[in-house]
Amino acid sequence: MSETFRLLIAAVAVVSVAYLVNQFPPLKGSVSKAALAISRRSNISPAISMGIIYFALAALAVGGTLLASGMTSSSAPTSSGSPSPSKSVVIPGNGSLTVEPKQGPAGTSVFVSAQGFAANETVRIEIFNGARIKDFQGPYIVTDARANPGGEISIEATIPDELCCPTGSVRVRATGKMSKTTAESSFTLT
């Protein structure tokens, strides 16, 4: 981002904050009291103190907006205009998981990919009972995997040979050990 563009954003933010503060009398009163207190302690004029407060509020607003939109200094365009690499931030909760292929006999090697976990956490991959499976003694712990800094895993696993019942299905679940985030998909036995 060019320096001129950054200054323009800062100026617009300061003016916007000043306008919004002046629209809400209780907030305007609080900001005025704070500006007077700053000016008394630092021997600067109340107008300059007010400008400092507006600038600080604008910086918080712009910074919060950039964080919420995912744009940080590491993801801002470089001088060449292309984005620089950035780290994704994942808020743990409900993840997503895919299994490829989605069906096959017991003993099939599958590719499991999942996302939504905490950065670098251990993620346990398990197989649970699904539809039309009898006498299943699961869960089977297939493997543990380490999530990357973006909270994603990609591993190859095997559907256990012990599973029976063609035309049944099992649930493949990934659970983050720290975040307790879970993601689940199904695999159909053929």
C-alpha atoms as a PDB file:
ATOM      1  CA  MET A   1       0.000   0.000   0.000  1.00  0.00           C
ATOM      2  CA  SER A   2       1.452   3.383  -0.918  1.00  0.00           C
ATOM      3  CA  GLU A   3       2.181   5.964   1.760  1.00  0.00           C
ATOM      4  CA  THR A   4      -0.278   8.401   0.158  1.00  0.00           C
ATOM      5  CA  PHE A   5      -3.036   5.811   0.280  1.00  0.00           C
ATOM      6  CA  ARG A   6      -2.298   5.058   3.953  1.00  0.00           C
ATOM      7  CA  LEU A   7      -2.462   8.756   4.812  1.00  0.00           C
ATOM      8  CA  LEU A   8      -5.741   9.082   2.924  1.00  0.00           C
ATOM      9  CA  ILE A   9      -7.227   6.155   4.852  1.00  0.00           C
ATOM     10  CA  ALA A  10      -6.047   7.686   8.143  1.00  0.00           C
ATOM     11  CA  ALA A  11      -7.521  11.093   7.277  1.00  0.00           C
ATOM     12  CA  VAL A  12     -10.871   9.620   6.244  1.00  0.00           C
ATOM     13  CA  ALA A  13     -10.944   7.521   9.407  1.00  0.00           C
ATOM     14  CA  VAL A  14     -10.208  10.505  11.667  1.00  0.00           C
ATOM     15  CA  VAL A  15     -12.900  12.636  10.006  1.00  0.00           C
ATOM     16  CA  SER A  16     -15.384   9.757  10.189  1.00  0.00           C
ATOM     17  CA  VAL A  17     -14.700   9.173  13.876  1.00  0.00           C
ATOM     18  CA  ALA A  18     -15.008  12.898  14.627  1.00  0.00           C
ATOM     19  CA  TYR A  19     -18.348  12.996  12.801  1.00  0.00           C
ATOM     20  CA  LEU A  20     -19.663   9.896  14.622  1.00  0.00           C
ATOM     21  CA  VAL A  21     -18.526  11.121  18.044  1.00  0.00           C
ATOM     22  CA  ASN A  22     -20.314  14.409  17.469  1.00  0.00           C
ATOM     23  CA  GLN A  23     -23.548  12.582  16.563  1.00  0.00           C
ATOM     24  CA  PHE A  24     -23.786  10.964  20.007  1.00  0.00           C
ATOM     25  CA  PRO A  25     -23.898  13.564  22.822  1.00  0.00           C
ATOM     26  CA  PRO A  26     -22.891  11.171  25.654  1.00  0.00           C
ATOM     27  CA  LEU A  27     -19.865  10.009  23.679  1.00  0.00           C
ATOM     28  CA  LYS A  28     -18.995  13.582  22.704  1.00  0.00           C
ATOM     29  CA  GLY A  29     -19.117  14.583  26.382  1.00  0.00           C
ATOM     30  CA  SER A  30     -16.833  11.707  27.385  1.00  0.00           C
ATOM     31  CA  VAL A  31     -14.332  12.516  24.634  1.00  0.00           C
ATOM     32  CA  SER A  32     -14.381  16.226  25.588  1.00  0.00           C
ATOM     33  CA  LYS A  33     -13.693  15.408  29.253  1.00  0.00           C
ATOM     34  CA  ALA A  34     -10.836  13.111  28.246  1.00  0.00           C
ATOM     35  CA  ALA A  35      -9.395  15.808  25.946  1.00  0.00           C
ATOM     36  CA  LEU A  36      -9.494  18.378  28.764  1.00  0.00           C
ATOM     37  CA  ALA A  37      -7.796  15.960  31.151  1.00  0.00           C
ATOM     38  CA  ILE A  38      -5.055  15.255  28.593  1.00  0.00           C
ATOM     39  CA  SER A  39      -4.530  18.952  27.864  1.00  0.00           C
ATOM     40  CA  ARG A  40      -4.197  19.802  31.580  1.00  0.00           C
ATOM     41  CA  ARG A  41      -1.616  17.072  32.191  1.00  0.00           C
ATOM     42  CA  SER A  42       0.461  17.634  29.075  1.00  0.00           C
ATOM     43  CA  ASN A  43       0.172  21.379  28.491  1.00  0.00           C
ATOM     44  CA  ILE A  44      -1.295  21.064  24.992  1.00  0.00           C
ATOM     45  CA  SER A  45      -4.457  22.679  23.742  1.00  0.00           C
ATOM     46  CA  PRO A  46      -7.799  20.882  24.149  1.00  0.00           C
ATOM     47  CA  ALA A  47      -8.245  20.952  20.351  1.00  0.00           C
ATOM     48  CA  ILE A  48      -4.998  19.030  19.839  1.00  0.00           C
ATOM     49  CA  SER A  49      -5.978  16.607  22.614  1.00  0.00           C
ATOM     50  CA  MET A  50      -9.310  16.060  20.871  1.00  0.00           C
ATOM     51  CA  GLY A  51      -7.457  15.381  17.598  1.00  0.00           C
ATOM     52  CA  ILE A  52      -5.235  12.829  19.336  1.00  0.00           C
ATOM     53  CA  ILE A  53      -8.288  11.038  20.726  1.00  0.00           C
ATOM     54  CA  TYR A  54     -10.004  11.064  17.308  1.00  0.00           C
ATOM     55  CA  PHE A  55      -6.852   9.681  15.721  1.00  0.00           C
ATOM     56  CA  ALA A  56      -6.568   6.919  18.351  1.00  0.00           C
ATOM     57  CA  LEU A  57     -10.229   5.946  17.886  1.00  0.00           C
ATOM     58  CA  ALA A  58      -9.773   5.970  14.104  1.00  0.00           C
ATOM     59  CA  ALA A  59      -6.677   3.760  14.380  1.00  0.00           C
ATOM     60  CA  LEU A  60      -8.656   1.274  16.459  1.00  0.00           C
ATOM     61  CA  ALA A  61     -11.531   1.325  13.962  1.00  0.00           C
ATOM     62  CA  VAL A  62      -9.285   0.873  10.908  1.00  0.00           C
ATOM     63  CA  GLY A  63      -7.197  -1.808  12.625  1.00  0.00           C
ATOM     64  CA  GLY A  64     -10.283  -3.720  13.718  1.00  0.00           C
ATOM     65  CA  THR A  65     -11.758  -3.502  10.238  1.00  0.00           C
ATOM     66  CA  LEU A  66      -8.545  -4.781   8.655  1.00  0.00           C
ATOM     67  CA  LEU A  67      -8.364  -7.675  11.115  1.00  0.00           C
ATOM     68  CA  ALA A  68     -12.024  -8.570  10.581  1.00  0.00           C
ATOM     69  CA  SER A  69     -11.579  -8.532   6.807  1.00  0.00           C
ATOM     70  CA  GLY A  70      -8.429 -10.656   7.026  1.00  0.00           C
ATOM     71  CA  MET A  71      -6.153  -7.966   5.592  1.00  0.00           C
ATOM     72  CA  THR A  72      -3.030  -7.390   7.617  1.00  0.00           C
ATOM     73  CA  SER A  73       0.341  -5.998   6.766  1.00  0.00           C
ATOM     74  CA  SER A  74       1.462  -9.523   5.808  1.00  0.00           C
ATOM     75  CA  SER A  75      -1.401  -9.911   3.308  1.00  0.00           C
ATOM     76  CA  ALA A  76      -1.379  -6.390   1.881  1.00  0.00           C
ATOM     77  CA  PRO A  77      -0.236  -6.014  -1.705  1.00  0.00           C
ATOM     78  CA  THR A  78       3.477  -5.515  -2.170  1.00  0.00           C
ATOM     79  CA  SER A  79       4.964  -2.703  -4.232  1.00  0.00           C
ATOM     80  CA  SER A  80       4.670  -5.021  -7.259  1.00  0.00           C
ATOM     81  CA  GLY A  81       0.912  -5.141  -6.682  1.00  0.00           C
ATOM     82  CA  SER A  82       0.742  -8.843  -5.841  1.00  0.00           C
ATOM     83  CA  PRO A  83      -0.294 -10.008  -2.381  1.00  0.00           C
ATOM     84  CA  SER A  84       2.432 -11.202  -0.083  1.00  0.00           C
ATOM     85  CA  PRO A  85       1.958 -14.553   1.670  1.00  0.00           C
ATOM     86  CA  SER A  86      -0.083 -14.468   4.832  1.00  0.00           C
ATOM     87  CA  LYS A  87      -0.986 -16.790   7.645  1.00  0.00           C
ATOM     88  CA  SER A  88      -4.632 -17.654   7.871  1.00  0.00           C
ATOM     89  CA  VAL A  89      -6.303 -17.304  11.226  1.00  0.00           C
ATOM     90  CA  VAL A  90      -8.725 -20.044  12.145  1.00  0.00           C
ATOM     91  CA  ILE A  91     -11.188 -19.661  14.953  1.00  0.00           C
ATOM     92  CA  PRO A  92     -11.794 -23.177  16.223  1.00  0.00           C
ATOM     93  CA  GLY A  93     -15.342 -24.489  16.352  1.00  0.00           C
ATOM     94  CA  ASN A  94     -16.896 -26.592  13.651  1.00  0.00           C
ATOM     95  CA  GLY A  95     -14.498 -27.825  11.033  1.00  0.00           C
ATOM     96  CA  SER A  96     -15.077 -29.486   7.691  1.00  0.00           C
ATOM     97  CA  LEU A  97     -13.819 -32.840   6.449  1.00  0.00           C
ATOM     98  CA  THR A  98     -13.798 -34.661   3.118  1.00  0.00           C
ATOM     99  CA  VAL A  99     -12.986 -38.300   2.381  1.00  0.00           C
ATOM    100  CA  GLU A 100     -11.899 -39.389  -1.116  1.00  0.00           C
ATOM    101  CA  PRO A 101     -13.001 -41.771  -2.436  1.00  0.00           C
ATOM    102  CA  LYS A 102     -16.388 -41.662  -0.750  1.00  0.00           C
ATOM    103  CA  GLN A 103     -17.007 -45.410  -1.074  1.00  0.00           C
ATOM    104  CA  GLY A 104     -15.179 -48.734  -1.363  1.00  0.00           C
ATOM    105  CA  PRO A 105     -14.625 -52.038   0.436  1.00  0.00           C
ATOM    106  CA  ALA A 106     -13.087 -52.392   3.895  1.00  0.00           C
ATOM    107  CA  GLY A 107      -9.317 -51.976   3.559  1.00  0.00           C
ATOM    108  CA  THR A 108      -9.651 -49.069   1.092  1.00  0.00           C
ATOM    109  CA  SER A 109      -6.970 -46.400   1.296  1.00  0.00           C
ATOM    110  CA  VAL A 110      -8.622 -42.964   1.554  1.00  0.00           C
ATOM    111  CA  PHE A 111      -7.401 -39.375   1.444  1.00  0.00           C
ATOM    112  CA  VAL A 112      -8.760 -37.359   4.396  1.00  0.00           C
ATOM    113  CA  SER A 113      -8.560 -33.577   4.362  1.00  0.00           C
ATOM    114  CA  ALA A 114     -10.016 -31.356   7.060  1.00  0.00           C
ATOM    115  CA  GLN A 115      -9.850 -27.733   8.156  1.00  0.00           C
ATOM    116  CA  GLY A 116     -10.993 -25.485  10.986  1.00  0.00           C
ATOM    117  CA  PHE A 117      -8.605 -26.665  13.688  1.00  0.00           C
ATOM    118  CA  ALA A 118      -6.198 -24.675  15.847  1.00  0.00           C
ATOM    119  CA  ALA A 119      -2.786 -24.015  14.335  1.00  0.00           C
ATOM    120  CA  ASN A 120      -0.339 -26.911  14.808  1.00  0.00           C
ATOM    121  CA  GLU A 121      -2.639 -28.922  17.059  1.00  0.00           C
ATOM    122  CA  THR A 122      -2.841 -32.729  17.075  1.00  0.00           C
ATOM    123  CA  VAL A 123      -5.974 -33.952  15.300  1.00  0.00           C
ATOM    124  CA  ARG A 124      -7.267 -37.497  15.920  1.00  0.00           C
ATOM    125  CA  ILE A 125      -8.882 -39.332  12.994  1.00  0.00           C
ATOM    126  CA  GLU A 126     -11.428 -41.979  14.074  1.00  0.00           C
ATOM    127  CA  ILE A 127     -14.035 -44.183  12.442  1.00  0.00           C
ATOM    128  CA  PHE A 128     -17.419 -44.564  14.121  1.00  0.00           C
ATOM    129  CA  ASN A 129     -20.454 -46.702  13.525  1.00  0.00           C
ATOM    130  CA  GLY A 130     -22.671 -45.539  10.707  1.00  0.00           C
ATOM    131  CA  ALA A 131     -25.830 -46.777   9.043  1.00  0.00           C
ATOM    132  CA  ARG A 132     -26.479 -50.546   8.723  1.00  0.00           C
ATOM    133  CA  ILE A 133     -23.293 -51.673  10.511  1.00  0.00           C
ATOM    134  CA  LYS A 134     -23.816 -54.500  13.041  1.00  0.00           C
ATOM    135  CA  ASP A 135     -21.512 -55.522  15.874  1.00  0.00           C
ATOM    136  CA  PHE A 136     -19.144 -52.638  15.285  1.00  0.00           C
ATOM    137  CA  GLN A 137     -16.711 -52.227  18.169  1.00  0.00           C
ATOM    138  CA  GLY A 138     -15.568 -48.728  17.163  1.00  0.00           C
ATOM    139  CA  PRO A 139     -14.428 -46.136  17.375  1.00  0.00           C
ATOM    140  CA  TYR A 140     -11.311 -47.204  15.570  1.00  0.00           C
ATOM    141  CA  ILE A 141      -8.468 -44.742  15.995  1.00  0.00           C
ATOM    142  CA  VAL A 142      -7.052 -44.541  12.509  1.00  0.00           C
ATOM    143  CA  THR A 143      -4.252 -42.057  13.162  1.00  0.00           C
ATOM    144  CA  ASP A 144      -3.228 -38.746  14.683  1.00  0.00           C
ATOM    145  CA  ALA A 145      -2.147 -35.877  12.432  1.00  0.00           C
ATOM    146  CA  ARG A 146      -0.645 -32.452  13.112  1.00  0.00           C
ATOM    147  CA  ALA A 147      -2.599 -29.481  11.724  1.00  0.00           C
ATOM    148  CA  ASN A 148      -0.594 -26.955   9.733  1.00  0.00           C
ATOM    149  CA  PRO A 149      -0.406 -23.259  10.808  1.00  0.00           C
ATOM    150  CA  GLY A 150      -3.689 -22.671   8.933  1.00  0.00           C
ATOM    151  CA  GLY A 151      -5.490 -25.382  10.957  1.00  0.00           C
ATOM    152  CA  GLU A 152      -5.668 -27.868   8.068  1.00  0.00           C
ATOM    153  CA  ILE A 153      -4.745 -31.538   7.770  1.00  0.00           C
ATOM    154  CA  SER A 154      -4.309 -33.792   4.753  1.00  0.00           C
ATOM    155  CA  ILE A 155      -3.477 -37.463   5.324  1.00  0.00           C
ATOM    156  CA  GLU A 156      -3.875 -40.880   3.796  1.00  0.00           C
ATOM    157  CA  ALA A 157      -5.642 -43.454   5.976  1.00  0.00           C
ATOM    158  CA  THR A 158      -7.072 -46.951   5.597  1.00  0.00           C
ATOM    159  CA  ILE A 159     -10.643 -48.008   6.310  1.00  0.00           C
ATOM    160  CA  PRO A 160     -10.123 -50.951   8.732  1.00  0.00           C
ATOM    161  CA  ASP A 161     -10.424 -54.460   7.273  1.00  0.00           C
ATOM    162  CA  GLU A 162     -12.495 -55.526  10.291  1.00  0.00           C
ATOM    163  CA  LEU A 163     -15.513 -53.573   9.080  1.00  0.00           C
ATOM    164  CA  CYS A 164     -18.269 -55.652   7.638  1.00  0.00           C
ATOM    165  CA  CYS A 165     -21.506 -55.172   5.849  1.00  0.00           C
ATOM    166  CA  PRO A 166     -21.331 -54.005   2.247  1.00  0.00           C
ATOM    167  CA  THR A 167     -23.825 -51.191   1.593  1.00  0.00           C
ATOM    168  CA  GLY A 168     -23.330 -49.910   5.140  1.00  0.00           C
ATOM    169  CA  SER A 169     -21.579 -46.658   5.956  1.00  0.00           C
ATOM    170  CA  VAL A 170     -19.191 -45.443   8.612  1.00  0.00           C
ATOM    171  CA  ARG A 171     -18.481 -41.959   9.937  1.00  0.00           C
ATOM    172  CA  VAL A 172     -14.952 -40.595   9.633  1.00  0.00           C
ATOM    173  CA  ARG A 173     -14.369 -37.980  12.318  1.00  0.00           C
ATOM    174  CA  ALA A 174     -11.465 -35.614  12.999  1.00  0.00           C
ATOM    175  CA  THR A 175     -11.214 -34.074  16.482  1.00  0.00           C
ATOM    176  CA  GLY A 176      -8.731 -31.413  17.559  1.00  0.00           C
ATOM    177  CA  LYS A 177      -7.172 -32.412  20.877  1.00  0.00           C
ATOM    178  CA  MET A 178      -6.762 -28.797  22.111  1.00  0.00           C
ATOM    179  CA  SER A 179      -9.632 -26.961  20.457  1.00  0.00           C
ATOM    180  CA  LYS A 180     -12.113 -29.873  20.563  1.00  0.00           C
ATOM    181  CA  THR A 181     -13.129 -28.829  17.039  1.00  0.00           C
ATOM    182  CA  THR A 182     -14.782 -31.705  15.211  1.00  0.00           C
ATOM    183  CA  ALA A 183     -15.369 -32.396  11.548  1.00  0.00           C
ATOM    184  CA  GLU A 184     -17.110 -35.428  10.131  1.00  0.00           C
ATOM    185  CA  SER A 185     -17.947 -37.139   6.840  1.00  0.00           C
ATOM    186  CA  SER A 186     -19.139 -40.597   5.811  1.00  0.00           C
ATOM    187  CA  PHE A 187     -17.628 -43.479   3.858  1.00  0.00           C
ATOM    188  CA  THR A 188     -19.916 -46.073   2.224  1.00  0.00           C
ATOM    189  CA  LEU A 189     -18.804 -49.712   2.293  1.00  0.00           C
ATOM    190  CA  THR A 190     -19.366 -51.542  -0.985  1.00  0.00           C
END
